[in-house]
Amino acid sequence: MKRFLHSKILTVLLVILDAVMYMAVWFCSYWLRDALASWGILVRPINDMHVYVAALALYLPLWLSCSWYYGLYDYEPKRTSIATAAAVLKTVMLGTVLSLALAYILKSFDLGRFILLATPVLYFLYLAICRSLLRKWKKRLARRGTGLLNVAIIGLSRTARRVADRIVTNPLSGYRLAGFIDPYKRRRVSTLAGFPVFGTTESIVDIVKREEIDVIFVAAPQLEQDRLMDLIVRCDELDVEFKIASTMFGVINDRVKVDEIDEMPVVQLRNDRLHPLSIGVKRAGDIVLSLTLLLLTAPVLLILAIIIKLDSPGPVFFRQQRVGYKGQLFNMYKLRTMRVDADPYAVAPTAEDDNRITRCGRWMRKLSLDEFPQLLNVLRGEMSMVGPRPEMPFIVEKYEDWERHRLDVKPGITGLWQIVGRKNLPLALNIEYDFYYIKNQGLLFDIVILIRTIPAVLFGRGAF
């Protein structure tokens, strides 16, 4: 309830701010066109200011509706920066298309193409800056523990520990773990993973009131359906959110459809695969981009090859077997950054002072220059520009069945793992970022990731 009220207040303030800023950029576009017309660059607007004021009554609600449609008013502290950037871009693209369509319908007013195109550009800059600052503010509040919801987990199983670990290690989830509740009628332990076990589900009402619990997570696969339904009713009466943590991580996702058979609800799992047309467009983009970058970076590769040869004995290129689409093995190419006697399948360097890395290899890895040859893998169709991290065979052999879902798409040169944490993320989080990409993959998402990769590489965040 606390976060609900907070989110509603924030939403109202955001809508007001967006409305004011849209009006500001709308009139800025008008005045900019007027200034350019006075310099003889453009034709002076044929309409007076009052026409554009009247047009705002149509265009302002249209743009606010686009922002609402793509979730720019959702209170989600855990929302990734990539998802936010994609939402902003989608909002501006849809708003621009609808604005031009509306202008065609109202062509007798002749608002002018300059204003209709300049306004989205200026508004995009505002949205990008505003939502970026808003996300940083939310992150700061979450790290301080402000606005977090108290969570109790029903269950003492491996799934319960996993849920607890995610909550503790990720404050941006918006939750604060208070403790556990034993799903059995008699409490068996008093603590778990350093947190108290408050009692059993028999006393859940007292626990919720005493510990001020806002959210209940159920992570007890052995819990009977009747008891589960009883808990749902109790939590609803206490105005407590009720969530069920699924162990089917690779199967259950946000793309589900609830259907029913004779009033019995059933969950239909949707497919995460791209449409064949989207796959074709992505492949065409991979070919064009990889070929262009290979031609542009050819002189750089030649210089790097000479530096590598002068720095240490051994070949210029490093070749390593990786697992690609549908489990197919391929040879991934890199510029050699490690000494020739280093084990190619040993644990990757996790620190800059690793003695296996050559002198020139340190700054090459820092700037990801060693990954340029992977453009050949993209051109050959073994990799994509954007996708999950390509893993080594011995890691894939240890995958559980749900983890093999990563192999349903081509691995990429870059991805969420590259721009969020790069090499300083644990394997489990890398896998989760890969699944997030698979479930949300699309051309626009790829473009955002490629753009965000540039500063991540230039500043060498998380690279060793």
Protein backbone atom coordinates (compact mmCIF):
# COMPACT_ATOMS: atom_id res chain seq x y z
CA MET A 1 0.00 0.00 0.00
CA LYS A 2 2.86 2.40 0.84
CA ARG A 3 4.55 1.86 -2.50
CA PHE A 4 1.17 1.98 -4.26
CA LEU A 5 0.49 5.49 -2.92
CA HIS A 6 4.06 6.54 -3.62
CA SER A 7 3.85 5.27 -7.20
CA LYS A 8 0.54 7.04 -7.81
CA ILE A 9 1.90 10.36 -6.57
CA LEU A 10 5.02 9.90 -8.70
CA THR A 11 2.89 9.04 -11.74
CA VAL A 12 0.78 12.18 -11.37
CA LEU A 13 3.90 14.34 -11.01
CA LEU A 14 5.48 12.70 -14.07
CA VAL A 15 2.37 13.24 -16.18
CA ILE A 16 2.29 16.92 -15.17
CA LEU A 17 6.01 17.33 -15.89
CA ASP A 18 5.72 15.58 -19.26
CA ALA A 19 2.74 17.73 -20.19
CA VAL A 20 4.56 20.95 -19.31
CA MET A 21 7.71 19.87 -21.16
CA TYR A 22 5.79 18.78 -24.25
CA MET A 23 4.10 22.19 -24.41
CA ALA A 24 7.52 23.79 -23.96
CA VAL A 25 9.15 21.87 -26.81
CA TRP A 26 6.07 22.42 -28.99
CA PHE A 27 6.39 26.19 -28.68
CA CYS A 28 10.19 26.01 -28.89
CA SER A 29 9.77 24.31 -32.26
CA TYR A 30 7.41 27.09 -33.33
CA TRP A 31 9.82 29.82 -32.25
CA LEU A 32 12.76 27.98 -33.81
CA ARG A 33 10.95 27.81 -37.12
CA ASP A 34 10.05 31.50 -36.79
CA ALA A 35 13.72 32.35 -36.15
CA LEU A 36 14.91 30.28 -39.12
CA ALA A 37 12.28 31.98 -41.28
CA SER A 38 13.53 35.42 -40.22
CA TRP A 39 17.01 34.38 -41.40
CA GLY A 40 15.61 33.29 -44.75
CA ILE A 41 16.28 29.59 -44.16
CA LEU A 42 12.63 28.51 -43.89
CA VAL A 43 9.31 29.92 -44.99
CA ARG A 44 7.52 31.81 -42.22
CA PRO A 45 4.59 29.88 -40.65
CA ILE A 46 1.31 30.71 -42.32
CA ASN A 47 -0.68 30.14 -39.12
CA ASP A 48 -0.83 32.33 -36.04
CA MET A 49 0.13 31.14 -32.59
CA HIS A 50 -3.50 30.51 -31.59
CA VAL A 51 -3.74 27.68 -34.17
CA TYR A 52 -0.82 25.84 -32.54
CA VAL A 53 -2.29 26.43 -29.08
CA ALA A 54 -5.53 24.83 -30.26
CA ALA A 55 -3.63 21.92 -31.86
CA LEU A 56 -2.06 21.13 -28.49
CA ALA A 57 -5.48 19.95 -27.29
CA LEU A 58 -5.05 17.00 -29.67
CA TYR A 59 -1.30 16.42 -29.72
CA LEU A 60 -0.66 16.62 -25.98
CA PRO A 61 -3.05 13.78 -24.99
CA LEU A 62 -1.75 11.75 -27.93
CA TRP A 63 1.86 11.91 -26.72
CA LEU A 64 0.98 11.32 -23.08
CA SER A 65 -1.00 8.26 -24.17
CA CYS A 66 2.04 6.93 -26.05
CA SER A 67 4.15 7.35 -22.92
CA TRP A 68 1.53 5.54 -20.87
CA TYR A 69 1.24 2.74 -23.43
CA TYR A 70 4.96 1.96 -23.27
CA GLY A 71 5.12 2.05 -19.48
CA LEU A 72 6.98 5.31 -18.92
CA TYR A 73 4.78 5.97 -15.89
CA ASP A 74 5.28 2.57 -14.26
CA TYR A 75 6.98 2.61 -10.87
CA GLU A 76 9.63 -0.06 -11.43
CA PRO A 77 12.94 0.53 -9.62
CA LYS A 78 14.24 -2.81 -10.96
CA ARG A 79 13.59 -1.85 -14.59
CA THR A 80 16.80 -1.99 -16.59
CA SER A 81 18.23 1.08 -18.30
CA ILE A 82 17.99 -0.80 -21.61
CA ALA A 83 14.27 -1.41 -21.13
CA THR A 84 13.77 2.26 -20.23
CA ALA A 85 15.71 3.46 -23.28
CA ALA A 86 13.73 1.11 -25.52
CA ALA A 87 10.45 2.38 -24.06
CA VAL A 88 11.48 6.01 -24.69
CA LEU A 89 12.48 5.23 -28.27
CA LYS A 90 9.25 3.34 -28.95
CA THR A 91 7.22 6.19 -27.44
CA VAL A 92 8.83 8.78 -29.71
CA MET A 93 8.54 6.58 -32.81
CA LEU A 94 4.85 5.86 -32.23
CA GLY A 95 4.15 9.46 -31.27
CA THR A 96 5.83 10.75 -34.43
CA VAL A 97 3.89 8.39 -36.69
CA LEU A 98 0.57 9.24 -35.04
CA SER A 99 1.38 12.97 -35.12
CA LEU A 100 2.04 12.87 -38.86
CA ALA A 101 -1.13 10.85 -39.40
CA LEU A 102 -3.14 13.38 -37.39
CA ALA A 103 -1.55 16.22 -39.34
CA TYR A 104 -2.65 14.56 -42.58
CA ILE A 105 -6.22 14.37 -41.28
CA LEU A 106 -6.04 18.04 -40.23
CA LYS A 107 -4.08 19.13 -43.32
CA SER A 108 -6.34 22.14 -43.80
CA PHE A 109 -4.66 23.67 -40.73
CA ASP A 110 -1.17 23.14 -42.25
CA LEU A 111 0.86 22.99 -39.02
CA GLY A 112 4.10 22.56 -40.95
CA ARG A 113 6.41 19.54 -41.17
CA PHE A 114 9.25 21.30 -39.37
CA ILE A 115 7.27 21.66 -36.14
CA LEU A 116 5.85 18.15 -36.40
CA LEU A 117 9.36 16.69 -36.76
CA ALA A 118 11.34 19.05 -34.52
CA THR A 119 8.98 18.52 -31.59
CA PRO A 120 9.60 14.73 -31.38
CA VAL A 121 13.38 15.28 -31.54
CA LEU A 122 13.34 17.78 -28.67
CA TYR A 123 10.85 15.72 -26.70
CA PHE A 124 13.01 12.62 -27.16
CA LEU A 125 15.98 14.46 -25.64
CA TYR A 126 13.84 15.49 -22.69
CA LEU A 127 12.42 11.98 -22.13
CA ALA A 128 15.85 10.36 -22.37
CA ILE A 129 17.39 12.74 -19.82
CA CYS A 130 14.35 12.77 -17.52
CA ARG A 131 13.91 8.98 -17.34
CA SER A 132 17.65 8.44 -16.94
CA LEU A 133 17.78 10.83 -13.96
CA LEU A 134 14.59 9.30 -12.56
CA ARG A 135 16.06 5.80 -12.73
CA LYS A 136 19.24 6.94 -10.96
CA TRP A 137 17.14 8.56 -8.26
CA LYS A 138 15.13 5.36 -7.79
CA LYS A 139 18.35 3.33 -7.59
CA ARG A 140 19.73 5.66 -4.92
CA LEU A 141 16.55 5.36 -2.87
CA ALA A 142 16.56 1.58 -3.22
CA ARG A 143 20.18 1.31 -2.08
CA ARG A 144 19.33 3.39 0.99
CA GLY A 145 16.41 1.09 1.73
CA THR A 146 13.83 3.81 1.14
CA GLY A 147 10.51 2.61 -0.20
CA LEU A 148 11.41 -1.09 -0.04
CA LEU A 149 8.68 -3.61 0.72
CA ASN A 150 9.13 -6.12 3.54
CA VAL A 151 9.09 -9.68 2.22
CA ALA A 152 8.47 -13.01 3.92
CA ILE A 153 9.15 -16.24 2.03
CA ILE A 154 7.00 -19.29 2.66
CA GLY A 155 9.30 -22.25 2.24
CA LEU A 156 12.68 -23.57 3.35
CA SER A 157 13.56 -25.30 0.09
CA ARG A 158 16.31 -24.64 -2.42
CA THR A 159 13.88 -22.45 -4.35
CA ALA A 160 13.23 -20.39 -1.21
CA ARG A 161 16.96 -19.85 -0.70
CA ARG A 162 17.30 -18.85 -4.32
CA VAL A 163 14.52 -16.26 -4.04
CA ALA A 164 16.11 -14.94 -0.84
CA ASP A 165 19.49 -14.65 -2.52
CA ARG A 166 18.02 -12.66 -5.41
CA ILE A 167 16.28 -10.25 -3.05
CA VAL A 168 19.36 -9.72 -0.86
CA THR A 169 21.80 -9.25 -3.75
CA ASN A 170 19.50 -7.00 -5.76
CA PRO A 171 18.15 -4.04 -3.76
CA LEU A 172 16.71 -2.60 -6.99
CA SER A 173 14.10 -5.36 -6.90
CA GLY A 174 12.21 -3.09 -4.52
CA TYR A 175 12.11 -5.70 -1.75
CA ARG A 176 13.70 -6.13 1.68
CA LEU A 177 13.84 -9.69 3.03
CA ALA A 178 12.44 -9.92 6.55
CA GLY A 179 12.56 -13.69 7.00
CA PHE A 180 11.00 -17.07 6.25
CA ILE A 181 7.80 -18.89 7.15
CA ASP A 182 7.81 -22.68 7.55
CA PRO A 183 5.20 -24.26 5.24
CA TYR A 184 4.72 -27.16 7.68
CA LYS A 185 2.56 -27.08 10.79
CA ARG A 186 5.53 -27.38 13.14
CA ARG A 187 8.54 -25.09 12.84
CA ARG A 188 11.66 -27.15 12.19
CA VAL A 189 14.39 -24.48 12.25
CA SER A 190 14.73 -21.01 13.77
CA THR A 191 16.98 -19.43 11.11
CA LEU A 192 17.78 -19.93 7.45
CA ALA A 193 20.51 -18.22 5.42
CA GLY A 194 21.03 -15.76 8.28
CA PHE A 195 17.36 -14.72 8.44
CA PRO A 196 14.78 -15.70 11.08
CA VAL A 197 12.08 -18.29 10.52
CA PHE A 198 9.12 -16.50 12.08
CA GLY A 199 6.89 -19.52 12.48
CA THR A 200 4.55 -21.63 10.39
CA THR A 201 1.75 -20.82 7.98
CA GLU A 202 -0.70 -21.58 10.80
CA SER A 203 0.23 -18.24 12.38
CA ILE A 204 0.67 -16.25 9.17
CA VAL A 205 -1.82 -13.55 10.24
CA ASP A 206 0.12 -12.80 13.42
CA ILE A 207 3.44 -12.88 11.52
CA VAL A 208 2.25 -10.43 8.87
CA LYS A 209 0.97 -7.96 11.47
CA ARG A 210 3.93 -8.31 13.84
CA GLU A 211 6.67 -8.07 11.18
CA GLU A 212 4.77 -5.56 8.99
CA ILE A 213 5.02 -7.80 5.93
CA ASP A 214 4.03 -6.23 2.60
CA VAL A 215 4.67 -9.16 0.25
CA ILE A 216 4.52 -12.94 0.63
CA PHE A 217 6.55 -15.15 -1.72
CA VAL A 218 5.61 -18.84 -1.85
CA ALA A 219 8.60 -21.05 -2.66
CA ALA A 220 7.33 -24.37 -1.34
CA PRO A 221 6.71 -26.89 -4.16
CA GLN A 222 5.31 -29.40 -1.64
CA LEU A 223 2.51 -27.08 -0.49
CA GLU A 224 -0.93 -28.61 -1.08
CA GLN A 225 -3.40 -26.74 -3.27
CA ASP A 226 -6.00 -26.36 -0.51
CA ARG A 227 -3.47 -24.76 1.85
CA LEU A 228 -2.19 -22.55 -0.95
CA MET A 229 -5.69 -21.27 -1.70
CA ASP A 230 -6.25 -20.67 2.02
CA LEU A 231 -3.04 -18.60 2.19
CA ILE A 232 -4.11 -16.56 -0.83
CA VAL A 233 -7.42 -15.71 0.84
CA ARG A 234 -5.72 -14.76 4.12
CA CYS A 235 -3.18 -12.52 2.40
CA ASP A 236 -5.92 -10.85 0.40
CA GLU A 237 -7.79 -10.06 3.61
CA LEU A 238 -4.59 -8.56 5.07
CA ASP A 239 -3.99 -6.48 1.91
CA VAL A 240 -0.68 -8.29 1.35
CA GLU A 241 0.71 -9.03 -2.12
CA PHE A 242 0.95 -12.75 -2.81
CA LYS A 243 3.50 -14.11 -5.28
CA ILE A 244 4.44 -17.65 -6.26
CA ALA A 245 8.09 -18.28 -7.12
CA SER A 246 8.40 -20.80 -9.95
CA THR A 247 11.27 -23.26 -10.28
CA MET A 248 10.58 -23.37 -14.01
CA PHE A 249 12.90 -20.39 -14.66
CA GLY A 250 13.55 -21.20 -18.29
CA VAL A 251 9.92 -21.92 -19.14
CA ILE A 252 7.66 -19.54 -17.22
CA ASN A 253 8.09 -15.92 -18.27
CA ASP A 254 6.13 -12.75 -18.76
CA ARG A 255 4.85 -13.94 -22.12
CA VAL A 256 2.07 -16.14 -20.85
CA LYS A 257 -1.57 -16.23 -21.80
CA VAL A 258 -4.24 -17.19 -19.29
CA ASP A 259 -6.96 -19.31 -20.86
CA GLU A 260 -9.70 -21.45 -19.37
CA ILE A 261 -11.34 -24.84 -19.89
CA ASP A 262 -14.86 -24.98 -18.50
CA GLU A 263 -14.05 -22.14 -16.04
CA MET A 264 -10.80 -23.82 -14.97
CA PRO A 265 -7.87 -21.40 -15.54
CA VAL A 266 -4.93 -22.75 -17.52
CA VAL A 267 -1.68 -21.05 -18.46
CA GLN A 268 -0.56 -21.16 -22.06
CA LEU A 269 3.17 -20.64 -22.55
CA ARG A 270 4.09 -18.46 -25.49
CA ASN A 271 7.06 -18.91 -27.76
CA ASP A 272 10.03 -16.55 -27.40
CA ARG A 273 11.25 -17.14 -30.96
CA LEU A 274 11.37 -14.30 -33.43
CA HIS A 275 9.12 -14.20 -36.48
CA PRO A 276 10.91 -15.55 -39.61
CA LEU A 277 10.76 -12.07 -41.14
CA SER A 278 12.44 -10.57 -38.06
CA ILE A 279 15.11 -13.28 -38.21
CA GLY A 280 15.76 -12.40 -41.86
CA VAL A 281 15.99 -8.68 -41.09
CA LYS A 282 18.37 -9.36 -38.19
CA ARG A 283 20.59 -11.57 -40.36
CA ALA A 284 20.70 -8.93 -43.10
CA GLY A 285 21.66 -6.33 -40.51
CA ASP A 286 24.38 -8.62 -39.15
CA ILE A 287 25.88 -9.06 -42.62
CA VAL A 288 25.84 -5.35 -43.47
CA LEU A 289 27.16 -4.20 -40.09
CA SER A 290 29.87 -6.88 -39.74
CA LEU A 291 31.13 -6.36 -43.29
CA THR A 292 31.19 -2.58 -42.85
CA LEU A 293 33.04 -2.80 -39.53
CA LEU A 294 35.54 -5.31 -40.94
CA LEU A 295 36.40 -2.92 -43.76
CA LEU A 296 36.65 0.06 -41.40
CA THR A 297 38.75 -1.76 -38.80
CA ALA A 298 41.09 -3.51 -41.25
CA PRO A 299 43.89 -0.91 -40.79
CA VAL A 300 43.46 -1.11 -37.00
CA LEU A 301 43.67 -4.92 -37.11
CA LEU A 302 46.88 -4.71 -39.12
CA ILE A 303 48.47 -2.36 -36.59
CA LEU A 304 47.32 -4.53 -33.68
CA ALA A 305 48.73 -7.63 -35.38
CA ILE A 306 52.15 -5.97 -35.62
CA ILE A 307 52.00 -4.89 -31.95
CA ILE A 308 51.06 -8.42 -30.84
CA LYS A 309 53.98 -9.93 -32.78
CA LEU A 310 56.44 -7.42 -31.31
CA ASP A 311 55.08 -7.80 -27.77
CA SER A 312 55.27 -11.59 -27.32
CA PRO A 313 56.00 -14.74 -29.33
CA GLY A 314 53.07 -16.67 -30.75
CA PRO A 315 50.25 -16.32 -33.27
CA VAL A 316 48.28 -13.13 -33.80
CA PHE A 317 44.88 -14.78 -33.60
CA PHE A 318 43.44 -16.89 -30.81
CA ARG A 319 40.95 -19.60 -31.74
CA GLN A 320 38.65 -21.27 -29.23
CA GLN A 321 35.75 -23.68 -29.57
CA ARG A 322 32.40 -22.31 -28.43
CA VAL A 323 28.80 -23.52 -28.43
CA GLY A 324 26.45 -21.74 -30.79
CA TYR A 325 22.89 -21.95 -32.04
CA LYS A 326 21.15 -25.24 -31.13
CA GLY A 327 24.35 -26.54 -29.54
CA GLN A 328 26.45 -26.41 -32.71
CA LEU A 329 30.20 -26.06 -32.10
CA PHE A 330 32.18 -23.37 -33.89
CA ASN A 331 35.60 -21.76 -33.68
CA MET A 332 35.44 -18.25 -32.24
CA TYR A 333 38.26 -15.91 -33.24
CA LYS A 334 39.96 -13.26 -31.15
CA LEU A 335 43.21 -11.33 -31.15
CA ARG A 336 45.62 -13.07 -28.79
CA THR A 337 45.91 -11.22 -25.47
CA MET A 338 47.39 -14.01 -23.33
CA ARG A 339 50.74 -15.75 -23.34
CA VAL A 340 51.04 -18.61 -25.80
CA ASP A 341 51.57 -21.19 -23.02
CA ALA A 342 48.31 -20.27 -21.20
CA ASP A 343 45.58 -22.91 -21.10
CA PRO A 344 42.92 -21.72 -23.60
CA TYR A 345 40.11 -23.37 -21.60
CA ALA A 346 41.21 -22.31 -18.12
CA VAL A 347 39.24 -19.84 -16.03
CA ALA A 348 39.08 -16.46 -17.77
CA PRO A 349 41.04 -13.58 -16.20
CA THR A 350 39.10 -11.82 -13.44
CA ALA A 351 41.69 -9.15 -12.56
CA GLU A 352 43.95 -6.78 -14.46
CA ASP A 353 47.12 -8.16 -12.83
CA ASP A 354 46.60 -11.73 -14.14
CA ASN A 355 50.11 -12.82 -15.20
CA ARG A 356 48.75 -14.74 -18.19
CA ILE A 357 47.83 -11.49 -19.97
CA THR A 358 50.46 -9.88 -22.19
CA ARG A 359 51.40 -6.22 -21.91
CA CYS A 360 49.48 -5.13 -25.00
CA GLY A 361 46.73 -7.60 -24.11
CA ARG A 362 45.80 -5.59 -21.01
CA TRP A 363 44.67 -2.48 -22.85
CA MET A 364 43.30 -4.49 -25.78
CA ARG A 365 41.00 -6.40 -23.43
CA LYS A 366 40.11 -3.18 -21.60
CA LEU A 367 38.83 -1.67 -24.85
CA SER A 368 37.55 -5.00 -26.26
CA LEU A 369 39.82 -4.61 -29.29
CA ASP A 370 40.59 -8.33 -29.09
CA GLU A 371 37.00 -9.09 -30.12
CA PHE A 372 37.19 -7.47 -33.58
CA PRO A 373 37.87 -10.82 -35.34
CA GLN A 374 34.50 -12.09 -34.09
CA LEU A 375 33.03 -9.99 -36.90
CA LEU A 376 34.15 -12.89 -39.12
CA ASN A 377 32.02 -15.24 -37.04
CA VAL A 378 29.06 -12.89 -37.54
CA LEU A 379 29.66 -12.72 -41.29
CA ARG A 380 29.78 -16.53 -41.45
CA GLY A 381 26.49 -16.81 -39.59
CA GLU A 382 27.93 -18.48 -36.48
CA MET A 383 27.27 -15.45 -34.28
CA SER A 384 25.13 -12.34 -34.29
CA MET A 385 26.00 -8.75 -33.41
CA VAL A 386 23.70 -8.99 -30.37
CA GLY A 387 22.89 -12.10 -28.37
CA PRO A 388 23.79 -14.20 -25.32
CA ARG A 389 27.41 -14.74 -24.34
CA PRO A 390 29.00 -17.62 -26.32
CA GLU A 391 30.01 -20.26 -23.78
CA MET A 392 32.65 -22.99 -23.84
CA PRO A 393 31.56 -26.65 -24.27
CA PHE A 394 32.54 -27.77 -20.77
CA ILE A 395 30.25 -25.09 -19.26
CA VAL A 396 27.31 -26.02 -21.50
CA GLU A 397 27.73 -29.69 -20.57
CA LYS A 398 26.81 -28.76 -16.97
CA TYR A 399 23.66 -26.90 -18.00
CA GLU A 400 20.33 -27.96 -16.59
CA ASP A 401 17.54 -28.46 -19.10
CA TRP A 402 16.11 -24.96 -18.60
CA GLU A 403 19.54 -23.36 -19.10
CA ARG A 404 19.87 -24.93 -22.56
CA HIS A 405 17.17 -22.49 -23.65
CA ARG A 406 20.06 -20.02 -24.10
CA LEU A 407 21.07 -22.00 -27.18
CA ASP A 408 17.79 -21.17 -28.96
CA VAL A 409 19.36 -17.99 -30.33
CA LYS A 410 22.75 -17.23 -31.84
CA PRO A 411 25.41 -15.96 -29.44
CA GLY A 412 26.42 -12.35 -29.88
CA ILE A 413 29.50 -10.15 -29.84
CA THR A 414 27.65 -7.92 -27.41
CA GLY A 415 24.58 -8.24 -25.22
CA LEU A 416 23.11 -7.20 -21.91
CA TRP A 417 26.01 -8.88 -20.09
CA GLN A 418 28.41 -6.62 -22.01
CA ILE A 419 26.82 -3.31 -21.05
CA VAL A 420 25.47 -4.10 -17.58
CA GLY A 421 28.37 -5.77 -15.89
CA ARG A 422 30.72 -7.22 -18.51
CA LYS A 423 33.23 -9.63 -16.96
CA ASN A 424 32.63 -8.80 -13.31
CA LEU A 425 29.23 -10.52 -13.12
CA PRO A 426 28.75 -14.00 -11.63
CA LEU A 427 27.71 -16.74 -14.06
CA ALA A 428 24.19 -16.96 -12.62
CA LEU A 429 23.48 -13.28 -13.33
CA ASN A 430 24.94 -13.58 -16.84
CA ILE A 431 22.45 -16.36 -17.53
CA GLU A 432 19.57 -14.26 -16.23
CA TYR A 433 20.55 -11.33 -18.45
CA ASP A 434 20.69 -13.73 -21.40
CA PHE A 435 17.18 -15.00 -20.65
CA TYR A 436 15.93 -11.44 -20.28
CA TYR A 437 17.30 -10.71 -23.76
CA ILE A 438 15.77 -13.87 -25.26
CA LYS A 439 12.34 -13.02 -23.86
CA ASN A 440 12.48 -9.41 -25.08
CA GLN A 441 14.52 -9.76 -28.26
CA GLY A 442 13.67 -7.54 -31.19
CA LEU A 443 15.24 -5.19 -33.71
CA LEU A 444 14.72 -2.07 -31.59
CA PHE A 445 16.11 -3.81 -28.50
CA ASP A 446 19.22 -4.80 -30.49
CA ILE A 447 19.73 -1.22 -31.66
CA VAL A 448 19.55 0.09 -28.10
CA ILE A 449 22.06 -2.54 -26.91
CA LEU A 450 24.47 -1.71 -29.76
CA ILE A 451 24.28 2.00 -28.92
CA ARG A 452 24.83 1.34 -25.19
CA THR A 453 27.80 -0.91 -25.99
CA ILE A 454 29.83 2.02 -27.30
CA PRO A 455 30.28 3.88 -23.97
CA ALA A 456 30.67 0.57 -22.10
CA VAL A 457 33.61 -0.33 -24.35
CA LEU A 458 35.15 3.14 -24.48
CA PHE A 459 35.20 3.45 -20.68
CA GLY A 460 36.22 -0.18 -20.21
CA ARG A 461 33.66 -0.91 -17.48
CA GLY A 462 34.11 -4.37 -15.97
CA ALA A 463 36.70 -5.51 -18.54
CA PHE A 464 39.89 -7.35 -17.58
